[in-house]
């Protein structure tokens, strides 16, 4: 596939623009983890791939972690790759997890022989699982470690030689790192091996002035932060031109991940890249890696002693989560820069959880919500690289604030918002089909509620509290806490997440279905408490909303999520 036109990073907010305007782009690139699970966003990505080649760019597998890769994460990625059939799959020279803790950021890896062996081992595992070559991207660096380091270009070249992977050369990251840690960016480019390069990335950074510490008499430093919310700066354009002259053209992506401008601004950046590629290279030289390349992958030797790397990663996470001001394994003059990763962690989690819990934030206010998120991260840090699981234990934060006793409904509100989030990404399958099951077998069939279904049984009018606390609500807020007791059913029908305010009959039937082996047991348990006409209507509701699935003993014992909160 000869792709010379610049591609653009895609986000769910941009899908409608692609469908309507059909811009002339070379390809689209999606962050893999955003499309885990079954959602409208995933179906839109599958729809847009009919018109554009798609590359998948992973940010959460944590290839540099000093323990085992997360197999469920890798299987989710394998499923996505199978559905999307991307022409490029990529990940990072970085880590983001160790043991039970995960950070939604790309953390620095000491470039030692031990780390090299570990990266080779994990790249091999990823490529074997996916059955194809991947590309590895160079990171943005804000600090370096106080030990002998393999030069980063040499480290990347060796990864490619040993594993057969390719390289994703992020030109912005090279420039950002060069400024932050004192490198020669052109020498870095020249040291890369052309034959391994499969893709380029371009993006914008943010320049910040930071106080070094309270002990330095107000001294500050300039750092470049890889924010992906700015146009490409001139020094990066110049370095990209150097890269093209040295290595030739490759599929090139422009990234803009937040604070979206007008769409024409994004297209203008892509056009600049197109013009530069055309001016520097007379032909599309795609002789490097990538383009859905299948390779013969040889297993890497297992790294036997990871104790030193594991200890460093565990201590690094302790410092980030614990807000410690420095990390002793880093060169002394840069130890304070661990604050960059702390800011990235708390900023990313606050932004994401504000989208998951908009009504909760509306009730407590943005500043108090920020405190809740910071506390949650410390008492219950993310455990996986699947972003859709972040914030599942938000209720724990409520228990640690005495001042929230005046909001007795808050825990139920959090449960309701999480139920909607969980349902959105749930896979609903194997639904009981009335047309395929004889009526005489239906009542005795072992059934369970589908994985999206959740009943919120609250003493408070949670639905109105939620509705009137959203930032989009217009009108006077008027809620009396004793005006109703809500039983809400959250479920997914197709791609639509639905909320149903249940009457007493539906509520007790759903509770009995959850607690019973089959419908006959549930009906017998309700004998005399629901009129036959009401029972018929309630059963009709269960089938209309496709709430029931056949359940094996294993499924009943290993439910994905408790339905009743």
Protein backbone atom coordinates (compact mmCIF):
# COMPACT_ATOMS: atom_id res chain seq x y z
CA UNK A 1 0.00 0.00 0.00
CA UNK A 2 1.68 3.24 -1.12
CA UNK A 3 0.47 5.90 1.29
CA UNK A 4 2.09 9.31 0.92
CA UNK A 5 -0.64 11.69 2.11
CA UNK A 6 -0.46 12.56 5.79
CA UNK A 7 -2.81 10.78 8.17
CA UNK A 8 -4.69 12.17 11.16
CA UNK A 9 -5.29 10.86 14.66
CA UNK A 10 -8.98 10.15 15.07
CA UNK A 11 -11.14 10.52 18.17
CA UNK A 12 -14.84 9.71 18.64
CA UNK A 13 -15.58 13.45 18.53
CA UNK A 14 -14.36 13.56 14.91
CA UNK A 15 -16.22 10.61 13.38
CA UNK A 16 -19.21 12.62 12.17
CA UNK A 17 -16.85 15.07 10.47
CA UNK A 18 -15.19 12.23 8.56
CA UNK A 19 -18.55 10.77 7.53
CA UNK A 20 -19.90 14.14 6.31
CA UNK A 21 -16.83 15.93 4.88
CA UNK A 22 -14.78 12.91 3.71
CA UNK A 23 -11.46 14.83 3.86
CA UNK A 24 -8.64 13.71 1.59
CA UNK A 25 -6.35 12.09 4.13
CA UNK A 26 -3.88 9.27 3.69
CA UNK A 27 -5.11 7.26 6.68
CA UNK A 28 -6.52 7.53 10.20
CA UNK A 29 -4.92 6.39 13.43
CA UNK A 30 -6.82 5.34 16.55
CA UNK A 31 -5.61 4.73 20.09
CA UNK A 32 -6.36 1.05 20.55
CA UNK A 33 -7.58 1.17 24.16
CA UNK A 34 -10.32 3.71 23.33
CA UNK A 35 -12.05 1.00 21.29
CA UNK A 36 -11.91 -1.95 23.68
CA UNK A 37 -15.31 -3.42 24.47
CA UNK A 38 -18.47 -3.08 22.39
CA UNK A 39 -19.48 0.55 21.88
CA UNK A 40 -20.77 3.05 19.34
CA UNK A 41 -17.22 4.36 19.02
CA UNK A 42 -15.96 0.93 17.98
CA UNK A 43 -18.73 0.51 15.41
CA UNK A 44 -17.91 3.98 14.03
CA UNK A 45 -14.25 3.04 13.70
CA UNK A 46 -15.23 -0.07 11.77
CA UNK A 47 -17.46 2.07 9.56
CA UNK A 48 -14.79 4.69 8.81
CA UNK A 49 -12.22 2.03 7.90
CA UNK A 50 -14.29 1.33 4.79
CA UNK A 51 -13.16 4.72 3.47
CA UNK A 52 -9.70 5.11 5.03
CA UNK A 53 -6.82 2.81 5.92
CA UNK A 54 -6.53 2.65 9.71
CA UNK A 55 -3.53 2.21 11.99
CA UNK A 56 -3.88 1.22 15.66
CA UNK A 57 -1.63 2.89 18.21
CA UNK A 58 -1.49 1.31 21.67
CA UNK A 59 -0.73 3.28 24.82
CA UNK A 60 -1.54 0.87 27.66
CA UNK A 61 0.07 -2.55 27.18
CA UNK A 62 3.19 -1.50 29.11
CA UNK A 63 5.78 -3.47 27.17
CA UNK A 64 8.56 -2.32 29.50
CA UNK A 65 6.93 -3.54 32.74
CA UNK A 66 9.18 -5.75 34.85
CA UNK A 67 6.57 -8.48 35.25
CA UNK A 68 4.12 -10.25 32.96
CA UNK A 69 2.07 -8.54 30.29
CA UNK A 70 -1.64 -8.22 31.00
CA UNK A 71 -3.08 -11.12 28.98
CA UNK A 72 -6.71 -9.87 28.98
CA UNK A 73 -5.43 -6.54 27.60
CA UNK A 74 -3.49 -8.36 24.89
CA UNK A 75 -6.54 -10.45 24.02
CA UNK A 76 -8.69 -7.31 23.77
CA UNK A 77 -6.11 -5.86 21.40
CA UNK A 78 -6.06 -9.06 19.35
CA UNK A 79 -9.86 -8.88 18.98
CA UNK A 80 -9.67 -5.24 17.88
CA UNK A 81 -6.89 -5.94 15.37
CA UNK A 82 -8.93 -8.82 13.95
CA UNK A 83 -11.98 -6.58 13.46
CA UNK A 84 -10.22 -3.46 12.16
CA UNK A 85 -7.49 -5.15 10.06
CA UNK A 86 -5.14 -2.15 10.46
CA UNK A 87 -2.21 -1.66 8.12
CA UNK A 88 0.00 -0.69 11.10
CA UNK A 89 -0.07 -1.68 14.78
CA UNK A 90 2.24 0.17 17.16
CA UNK A 91 3.22 0.52 20.82
CA UNK A 92 5.83 2.39 22.86
CA UNK A 93 9.31 2.04 24.30
CA UNK A 94 7.94 2.68 27.78
CA UNK A 95 6.16 1.12 30.73
CA UNK A 96 3.07 2.16 32.66
CA UNK A 97 2.36 -0.69 35.06
CA UNK A 98 3.96 -2.97 37.59
CA UNK A 99 2.18 -5.54 39.72
CA UNK A 100 -1.32 -4.27 40.58
CA UNK A 101 -0.80 -0.57 39.77
CA UNK A 102 -1.20 1.13 36.41
CA UNK A 103 -0.64 4.75 35.38
CA UNK A 104 -2.37 6.27 32.30
CA UNK A 105 0.94 7.68 31.10
CA UNK A 106 4.13 6.50 29.39
CA UNK A 107 6.85 6.17 32.02
CA UNK A 108 10.60 6.27 31.37
CA UNK A 109 12.55 3.03 31.06
CA UNK A 110 16.23 2.82 31.98
CA UNK A 111 17.92 1.71 28.76
CA UNK A 112 20.01 -1.14 30.17
CA UNK A 113 20.81 -4.61 28.86
CA UNK A 114 18.23 -5.97 31.29
CA UNK A 115 15.56 -3.64 29.92
CA UNK A 116 16.56 -4.52 26.35
CA UNK A 117 16.08 -8.22 26.99
CA UNK A 118 12.72 -7.62 28.66
CA UNK A 119 11.46 -5.40 25.83
CA UNK A 120 12.51 -8.01 23.26
CA UNK A 121 10.68 -10.72 25.21
CA UNK A 122 7.46 -8.70 25.45
CA UNK A 123 7.57 -7.50 21.83
CA UNK A 124 7.96 -11.14 20.79
CA UNK A 125 4.91 -12.09 22.90
CA UNK A 126 2.85 -9.26 21.40
CA UNK A 127 3.83 -10.09 17.82
CA UNK A 128 3.16 -13.80 18.30
CA UNK A 129 -0.25 -13.10 19.81
CA UNK A 130 -1.23 -10.74 16.98
CA UNK A 131 0.47 -12.82 14.27
CA UNK A 132 2.09 -9.79 12.70
CA UNK A 133 4.81 -7.18 13.00
CA UNK A 134 4.39 -4.19 15.30
CA UNK A 135 6.16 -0.83 15.36
CA UNK A 136 7.77 0.62 18.49
CA UNK A 137 7.67 4.38 19.10
CA UNK A 138 10.43 6.40 20.77
CA UNK A 139 9.20 8.17 23.93
CA UNK A 140 9.20 11.76 25.13
CA UNK A 141 11.79 12.07 27.89
CA UNK A 142 11.70 14.45 30.84
CA UNK A 143 14.48 12.79 32.84
CA UNK A 144 17.20 10.14 32.55
CA UNK A 145 18.40 7.55 35.02
CA UNK A 146 21.64 7.68 36.95
CA UNK A 147 23.15 4.52 35.49
CA UNK A 148 24.91 3.41 32.33
CA UNK A 149 22.48 3.81 29.45
CA UNK A 150 22.44 2.35 25.95
CA UNK A 151 21.93 5.30 23.54
CA UNK A 152 18.25 5.36 22.62
CA UNK A 153 18.70 5.05 18.81
CA UNK A 154 21.00 2.06 19.34
CA UNK A 155 18.46 0.55 21.77
CA UNK A 156 15.68 0.91 19.18
CA UNK A 157 17.78 -0.46 16.32
CA UNK A 158 18.69 -3.49 18.43
CA UNK A 159 15.04 -4.11 19.34
CA UNK A 160 14.20 -4.21 15.64
CA UNK A 161 17.16 -6.46 14.77
CA UNK A 162 16.40 -9.00 17.51
CA UNK A 163 12.59 -9.16 17.24
CA UNK A 164 11.78 -8.18 13.66
CA UNK A 165 9.64 -5.28 14.88
CA UNK A 166 9.71 -1.95 13.09
CA UNK A 167 10.17 1.57 14.37
CA UNK A 168 7.68 4.42 14.64
CA UNK A 169 9.78 7.57 14.63
CA UNK A 170 8.01 10.35 16.49
CA UNK A 171 9.86 13.47 15.36
CA UNK A 172 8.18 15.67 17.95
CA UNK A 173 9.26 13.30 20.73
CA UNK A 174 12.85 13.40 19.51
CA UNK A 175 12.89 17.19 19.64
CA UNK A 176 11.09 17.37 23.01
CA UNK A 177 13.53 14.88 24.54
CA UNK A 178 16.54 16.65 23.03
CA UNK A 179 15.57 19.93 24.70
CA UNK A 180 14.63 18.33 28.02
CA UNK A 181 17.64 16.07 28.58
CA UNK A 182 20.29 17.68 26.39
CA UNK A 183 20.61 15.60 23.22
CA UNK A 184 21.48 16.36 19.63
CA UNK A 185 18.23 15.65 17.71
CA UNK A 186 19.90 15.46 14.29
CA UNK A 187 22.50 12.98 15.56
CA UNK A 188 19.62 10.90 16.94
CA UNK A 189 17.94 10.84 13.52
CA UNK A 190 21.17 9.90 11.77
CA UNK A 191 21.77 7.01 14.16
CA UNK A 192 18.48 5.28 13.30
CA UNK A 193 18.52 2.44 10.76
CA UNK A 194 16.31 3.35 7.78
CA UNK A 195 15.29 -0.19 7.00
CA UNK A 196 13.45 -0.55 10.30
CA UNK A 197 11.39 2.66 10.06
CA UNK A 198 7.73 2.12 9.22
CA UNK A 199 5.98 5.35 10.23
CA UNK A 200 6.49 8.95 11.37
CA UNK A 201 4.53 10.97 13.92
CA UNK A 202 4.20 14.76 14.13
CA UNK A 203 2.55 16.72 16.94
CA UNK A 204 2.73 19.89 18.99
CA UNK A 205 4.27 20.38 22.41
CA UNK A 206 3.68 22.88 25.22
CA UNK A 207 6.52 24.90 26.67
CA UNK A 208 6.29 25.37 30.43
CA UNK A 209 8.41 27.20 32.95
CA UNK A 210 8.66 25.23 36.19
CA UNK A 211 10.16 26.11 39.55
CA UNK A 212 12.89 23.57 40.24
CA UNK A 213 12.32 23.36 44.01
CA UNK A 214 11.72 25.46 47.09
CA UNK A 215 15.43 25.17 47.91
CA UNK A 216 16.76 26.86 44.77
CA UNK A 217 15.88 30.49 45.52
CA UNK A 218 13.14 30.61 42.93
CA UNK A 219 15.19 29.16 40.06
CA UNK A 220 13.11 27.76 37.24
CA UNK A 221 13.64 25.72 34.11
CA UNK A 222 11.98 25.39 30.71
CA UNK A 223 10.52 22.00 29.83
CA UNK A 224 8.71 20.89 26.70
CA UNK A 225 5.66 18.73 27.49
CA UNK A 226 4.34 16.35 24.83
CA UNK A 227 0.72 17.54 25.03
CA UNK A 228 -0.56 16.89 21.47
CA UNK A 229 -2.80 19.96 21.63
CA UNK A 230 -0.80 22.45 19.55
CA UNK A 231 0.26 22.88 15.92
CA UNK A 232 3.67 21.51 14.94
CA UNK A 233 6.38 24.02 15.85
CA UNK A 234 9.02 25.17 13.37
CA UNK A 235 11.96 23.29 14.95
CA UNK A 236 9.99 20.05 14.59
CA UNK A 237 9.19 20.82 10.94
CA UNK A 238 12.90 21.38 10.33
CA UNK A 239 13.78 18.11 12.06
CA UNK A 240 11.13 16.32 10.00
CA UNK A 241 12.75 17.66 6.83
CA UNK A 242 16.09 16.30 8.05
CA UNK A 243 14.42 12.94 8.75
CA UNK A 244 12.90 12.76 5.26
CA UNK A 245 16.26 13.53 3.62
CA UNK A 246 17.98 10.89 5.75
CA UNK A 247 15.43 8.07 5.64
CA UNK A 248 12.88 8.84 2.90
CA UNK A 249 9.09 9.08 3.12
CA UNK A 250 6.95 6.86 5.30
CA UNK A 251 3.27 7.01 6.27
CA UNK A 252 3.17 10.17 8.38
CA UNK A 253 0.63 10.98 11.08
CA UNK A 254 -0.34 14.31 12.62
CA UNK A 255 -1.63 13.97 16.19
CA UNK A 256 -3.94 16.34 18.07
CA UNK A 257 -5.51 14.61 21.07
CA UNK A 258 -7.33 17.26 23.14
CA UNK A 259 -8.60 20.85 23.07
CA UNK A 260 -9.66 20.35 19.47
CA UNK A 261 -9.52 23.38 17.20
CA UNK A 262 -11.60 23.91 14.08
CA UNK A 263 -11.22 20.93 11.76
CA UNK A 264 -9.57 23.13 9.10
CA UNK A 265 -6.66 23.68 11.50
CA UNK A 266 -6.03 19.93 11.61
CA UNK A 267 -6.27 19.64 7.83
CA UNK A 268 -3.88 22.54 7.41
CA UNK A 269 -1.22 20.76 9.48
CA UNK A 270 -1.68 17.62 7.39
CA UNK A 271 -1.33 19.68 4.21
CA UNK A 272 1.93 21.17 5.48
CA UNK A 273 3.28 17.67 6.01
CA UNK A 274 2.13 16.63 2.52
CA UNK A 275 3.87 19.61 0.95
CA UNK A 276 7.11 18.97 2.82
CA UNK A 277 7.12 15.29 1.89
CA UNK A 278 6.49 16.17 -1.76
CA UNK A 279 9.24 18.81 -1.77
CA UNK A 280 11.89 16.64 -0.13
CA UNK A 281 11.17 13.22 -1.63
CA UNK A 282 10.48 12.64 -5.30
CA UNK A 283 8.93 9.27 -4.68
CA UNK A 284 7.17 7.37 -1.92
CA UNK A 285 9.96 5.27 -0.44
CA UNK A 286 8.15 2.67 1.65
CA UNK A 287 11.02 0.25 1.87
CA UNK A 288 10.99 0.14 5.66
CA UNK A 289 8.89 -1.78 8.15
CA UNK A 290 5.15 -1.75 8.68
CA UNK A 291 2.26 -1.98 6.22
CA UNK A 292 0.72 -5.08 7.81
CA UNK A 293 3.97 -6.96 7.43
CA UNK A 294 3.97 -10.57 8.60
CA UNK A 295 7.32 -11.83 9.80
CA UNK A 296 8.92 -14.98 11.12
CA UNK A 297 9.20 -14.31 14.83
CA UNK A 298 11.82 -16.10 16.90
CA UNK A 299 11.26 -16.48 20.62
CA UNK A 300 13.52 -14.35 22.79
CA UNK A 301 15.50 -15.74 25.73
CA UNK A 302 13.73 -15.16 29.02
CA UNK A 303 15.34 -12.49 31.18
CA UNK A 304 16.08 -14.40 34.39
CA UNK A 305 16.80 -11.58 36.85
CA UNK A 306 14.46 -8.60 36.80
CA UNK A 307 14.84 -7.73 40.46
CA UNK A 308 16.67 -4.43 39.96
CA UNK A 309 14.26 -3.20 37.27
CA UNK A 310 11.25 -4.38 39.28
CA UNK A 311 12.47 -2.55 42.39
CA UNK A 312 12.98 0.66 40.39
CA UNK A 313 9.49 0.48 38.87
CA UNK A 314 7.84 -0.24 42.21
CA UNK A 315 9.65 2.70 43.83
CA UNK A 316 8.86 4.96 40.88
CA UNK A 317 5.15 4.20 41.23
CA UNK A 318 5.38 4.77 44.99
CA UNK A 319 6.80 8.22 44.32
CA UNK A 320 4.25 9.15 41.66
CA UNK A 321 1.20 7.97 43.60
CA UNK A 322 2.57 9.23 46.92
CA UNK A 323 3.44 12.69 45.54
CA UNK A 324 7.08 12.35 46.59
CA UNK A 325 9.07 15.26 45.18
CA UNK A 326 11.94 13.25 43.68
CA UNK A 327 13.12 9.80 42.66
CA UNK A 328 16.59 8.74 43.70
CA UNK A 329 17.35 6.54 40.67
CA UNK A 330 17.19 9.62 38.42
CA UNK A 331 20.23 11.84 37.82
CA UNK A 332 20.39 14.31 40.69
CA UNK A 333 19.73 17.46 38.65
CA UNK A 334 16.50 15.99 37.22
CA UNK A 335 15.04 14.16 40.23
CA UNK A 336 12.41 16.84 40.81
CA UNK A 337 10.96 16.19 37.34
CA UNK A 338 9.01 13.24 38.63
CA UNK A 339 6.41 15.94 39.22
CA UNK A 340 5.76 15.92 35.44
CA UNK A 341 4.47 12.35 35.69
CA UNK A 342 2.44 13.20 38.80
CA UNK A 343 0.78 16.08 36.96
CA UNK A 344 0.12 13.88 33.93
CA UNK A 345 -1.45 11.18 36.12
CA UNK A 346 -3.78 13.43 38.09
CA UNK A 347 -4.67 15.59 35.10
CA UNK A 348 -5.56 12.61 32.89
CA UNK A 349 -7.63 10.92 35.61
CA UNK A 350 -9.50 14.10 36.51
CA UNK A 351 -10.40 14.78 32.89
CA UNK A 352 -11.49 11.20 32.23
CA UNK A 353 -13.50 10.71 35.42
CA UNK A 354 -15.24 14.05 34.93
CA UNK A 355 -16.69 12.49 31.76
CA UNK A 356 -17.67 9.29 33.58
CA UNK A 357 -19.19 11.11 36.57
CA UNK A 358 -20.54 14.46 35.27
CA UNK A 359 -23.47 14.60 37.68
CA UNK A 360 -21.30 13.70 40.66
CA UNK A 361 -18.98 16.56 39.77
CA UNK A 362 -22.03 18.79 39.38
CA UNK A 363 -23.16 17.96 42.92
CA UNK A 364 -19.82 18.38 44.75
CA UNK A 365 -18.24 21.03 42.50
CA UNK A 366 -15.14 20.83 40.32
CA UNK A 367 -12.60 21.57 43.07
CA UNK A 368 -13.98 19.00 45.51
CA UNK A 369 -14.29 16.46 42.71
CA UNK A 370 -10.58 16.98 42.01
CA UNK A 371 -9.83 16.11 45.65
CA UNK A 372 -11.98 12.97 45.37
CA UNK A 373 -10.09 11.84 42.27
CA UNK A 374 -6.69 12.46 43.88
CA UNK A 375 -7.71 10.46 46.94
CA UNK A 376 -9.15 7.65 44.80
CA UNK A 377 -5.89 7.34 42.84
CA UNK A 378 -3.95 6.90 46.08
CA UNK A 379 -6.28 4.44 47.82
CA UNK A 380 -7.35 2.50 44.71
CA UNK A 381 -4.96 3.10 41.78
CA UNK A 382 -5.90 1.85 38.30
CA UNK A 383 -5.15 -1.86 38.03
CA UNK A 384 -5.20 -2.32 34.23
CA UNK A 385 -4.36 -0.48 31.03
CA UNK A 386 -8.00 -0.64 29.94
CA UNK A 387 -9.09 2.98 30.38
CA UNK A 388 -12.75 1.95 30.57
CA UNK A 389 -12.09 0.38 34.00
CA UNK A 390 -10.76 3.60 35.54
CA UNK A 391 -12.88 4.92 38.39
CA UNK A 392 -14.79 1.71 39.15
CA UNK A 393 -14.17 2.21 42.88
CA UNK A 394 -15.15 5.87 43.05
CA UNK A 395 -17.46 5.16 45.98
CA UNK A 396 -14.38 4.49 48.14
CA UNK A 397 -13.47 8.16 47.94
CA UNK A 398 -16.86 9.13 49.41
CA UNK A 399 -16.17 7.07 52.53
CA UNK A 400 -13.05 9.11 53.33
CA UNK A 401 -14.71 12.55 53.44
CA UNK A 402 -16.72 13.29 56.60
CA UNK A 403 -18.15 16.40 54.98
CA UNK A 404 -20.13 14.33 52.49
CA UNK A 405 -22.54 13.09 55.15
CA UNK A 406 -24.84 15.92 54.06
CA UNK A 407 -25.13 14.20 50.69
CA UNK A 408 -26.45 10.73 51.67
CA UNK A 409 -27.51 10.00 48.10
CA UNK A 410 -24.04 10.56 46.60
CA UNK A 411 -22.96 6.92 46.76
CA UNK A 412 -26.09 5.84 44.86
CA UNK A 413 -25.51 8.58 42.27
CA UNK A 414 -21.98 7.30 41.71
CA UNK A 415 -23.31 3.76 41.32
CA UNK A 416 -25.81 4.94 38.73
CA UNK A 417 -23.23 6.85 36.67
CA UNK A 418 -20.82 3.90 36.76
CA UNK A 419 -23.62 1.54 35.69
CA UNK A 420 -24.19 3.68 32.57
CA UNK A 421 -20.48 3.75 31.80
CA UNK A 422 -20.13 -0.01 32.29
CA UNK A 423 -23.17 -0.74 30.14
CA UNK A 424 -21.85 1.40 27.27
CA UNK A 425 -18.80 -0.85 26.84
CA UNK A 426 -20.48 -4.15 27.71
CA UNK A 427 -20.74 -6.91 25.15
CA UNK A 428 -24.31 -8.19 25.06
CA UNK A 429 -24.50 -11.58 23.38
CA UNK A 430 -26.24 -14.98 23.53
CA UNK A 431 -29.60 -13.39 24.31
CA UNK A 432 -32.51 -15.77 24.93
CA UNK A 433 -34.42 -15.91 21.64
CA UNK A 434 -38.11 -16.70 22.09
CA UNK A 435 -38.36 -17.91 18.51
CA UNK A 436 -35.75 -20.64 19.05
CA UNK A 437 -36.78 -22.03 22.44
CA UNK A 438 -39.96 -24.10 22.87
CA UNK A 439 -42.33 -22.48 25.34
CA UNK A 440 -42.36 -25.56 27.60
CA UNK A 441 -38.54 -25.28 27.98
CA UNK A 442 -38.39 -21.53 28.46
CA UNK A 443 -39.42 -21.42 32.11
CA UNK A 444 -36.92 -24.09 33.20
CA UNK A 445 -33.98 -22.82 31.13
CA UNK A 446 -31.08 -21.63 33.29
CA UNK A 447 -30.87 -17.89 32.70
CA UNK A 448 -29.00 -14.85 33.94
CA UNK A 449 -29.29 -11.15 33.26
CA UNK A 450 -27.00 -9.95 30.47
CA UNK A 451 -23.68 -8.34 31.39
CA UNK A 452 -24.92 -4.78 30.84
CA UNK A 453 -27.87 -4.98 33.24
CA UNK A 454 -27.61 -3.24 36.61
CA UNK A 455 -30.32 -2.43 39.15
CA UNK A 456 -29.82 0.64 41.35
CA UNK A 457 -32.22 0.30 44.28
CA UNK A 458 -32.06 3.62 46.12
CA UNK A 459 -33.91 5.36 48.95
CA UNK A 460 -33.59 8.64 47.03
CA UNK A 461 -34.88 10.15 43.76
CA UNK A 462 -31.59 9.34 42.03
CA UNK A 463 -32.86 9.79 38.48
CA UNK A 464 -33.91 13.42 39.09
CA UNK A 465 -30.77 14.14 41.12
CA UNK A 466 -28.72 12.87 38.19
CA UNK A 467 -30.71 14.73 35.54
CA UNK A 468 -30.68 18.07 37.38
CA UNK A 469 -26.97 17.85 38.26
CA UNK A 470 -25.69 17.48 34.69
CA UNK A 471 -23.81 20.45 33.21
CA UNK A 472 -26.32 20.47 30.33
CA UNK A 473 -29.35 20.87 32.61
CA UNK A 474 -31.27 24.10 32.10
CA UNK A 475 -33.81 25.26 34.60
CA UNK A 476 -34.21 25.62 38.33
CA UNK A 477 -32.90 22.74 40.44
CA UNK A 478 -35.79 21.52 42.59
CA UNK A 479 -35.34 18.16 44.34
CA UNK A 480 -36.79 16.88 47.57
CA UNK A 481 -34.89 13.87 48.88
CA UNK A 482 -38.08 12.24 50.15
CA UNK A 483 -40.08 12.75 46.97
CA UNK A 484 -39.48 9.20 45.72
CA UNK A 485 -37.51 6.01 46.17
CA UNK A 486 -36.01 5.05 42.83
CA UNK A 487 -35.37 1.60 41.44
CA UNK A 488 -33.46 2.15 38.18
CA UNK A 489 -32.55 -0.49 35.65
CA UNK A 490 -29.60 0.36 33.42
CA UNK A 491 -29.16 -1.86 30.38
CA UNK A 492 -27.91 -1.81 26.82
CA UNK A 493 -30.06 -2.49 23.78
CA UNK A 494 -28.07 -2.48 20.57
CA UNK A 495 -25.60 0.37 21.11
CA UNK A 496 -28.05 2.40 23.21
CA UNK A 497 -27.69 2.58 26.99
CA UNK A 498 -31.15 2.83 28.52
CA UNK A 499 -32.41 3.76 31.98
CA UNK A 500 -35.80 2.49 33.15
CA UNK A 501 -37.49 3.72 36.31
CA UNK A 502 -39.09 0.50 37.58
CA UNK A 503 -42.44 -0.03 39.22
CA UNK A 504 -42.63 -2.34 42.24
CA UNK A 505 -43.60 -5.39 40.18
CA UNK A 506 -40.65 -5.09 37.80
CA UNK A 507 -38.30 -4.39 40.68
CA UNK A 508 -39.21 -7.52 42.66
CA UNK A 509 -39.22 -9.68 39.51
CA UNK A 510 -35.72 -8.54 38.54
CA UNK A 511 -34.48 -9.24 42.05
CA UNK A 512 -35.94 -12.74 41.94
CA UNK A 513 -34.51 -13.40 38.47
CA UNK A 514 -31.10 -12.44 39.80
CA UNK A 515 -31.46 -14.74 42.81
CA UNK A 516 -33.13 -17.68 41.05
CA UNK A 517 -31.82 -20.36 38.75
CA UNK A 518 -34.57 -20.00 36.16
CA UNK A 519 -37.80 -18.12 35.45
CA UNK A 520 -39.99 -20.80 37.02
CA UNK A 521 -38.22 -20.45 40.36
CA UNK A 522 -38.54 -16.67 40.18
CA UNK A 523 -42.25 -16.86 39.38
CA UNK A 524 -42.89 -19.39 42.17
CA UNK A 525 -41.07 -17.14 44.66
CA UNK A 526 -43.41 -14.30 43.70
CA UNK A 527 -46.58 -16.36 43.93
CA UNK A 528 -49.37 -14.19 45.25
CA UNK A 529 -47.36 -10.97 45.33
CA UNK A 530 -47.84 -10.00 41.67
CA UNK A 531 -51.08 -10.25 39.77
CA UNK A 532 -50.98 -12.56 36.72
CA UNK A 533 -51.59 -9.64 34.32
CA UNK A 534 -48.74 -7.66 35.86
CA UNK A 535 -46.46 -10.70 35.76
CA UNK A 536 -47.16 -11.20 32.06
CA UNK A 537 -46.30 -7.56 31.35
CA UNK A 538 -43.10 -7.82 33.40
CA UNK A 539 -41.96 -10.96 31.60
CA UNK A 540 -42.69 -9.24 28.31
CA UNK A 541 -40.43 -6.39 29.40
CA UNK A 542 -37.55 -8.81 30.10
CA UNK A 543 -37.74 -10.25 26.60
CA UNK A 544 -38.41 -6.93 24.84
CA UNK A 545 -35.27 -5.40 26.38
CA UNK A 546 -33.26 -8.59 25.69
CA UNK A 547 -32.25 -8.83 29.33
CA UNK A 548 -31.91 -12.60 29.58
CA UNK A 549 -29.12 -14.88 28.42
CA UNK A 550 -28.62 -18.63 28.89
CA UNK A 551 -26.41 -19.19 31.93
CA UNK A 552 -24.13 -22.10 32.71
CA UNK A 553 -23.14 -22.89 36.29
CA UNK A 554 -19.75 -21.30 35.59
CA UNK A 555 -21.35 -18.09 34.34
CA UNK A 556 -23.56 -17.87 37.40
CA UNK A 557 -20.56 -18.33 39.69
CA UNK A 558 -18.33 -15.92 37.80
CA UNK A 559 -20.54 -12.94 37.03
CA UNK A 560 -18.71 -10.06 35.37
CA UNK A 561 -20.41 -7.43 37.54
CA UNK A 562 -23.00 -7.63 40.32
CA UNK A 563 -26.34 -6.56 38.93
CA UNK A 564 -27.69 -5.18 42.22
CA UNK A 565 -25.82 -2.31 43.88
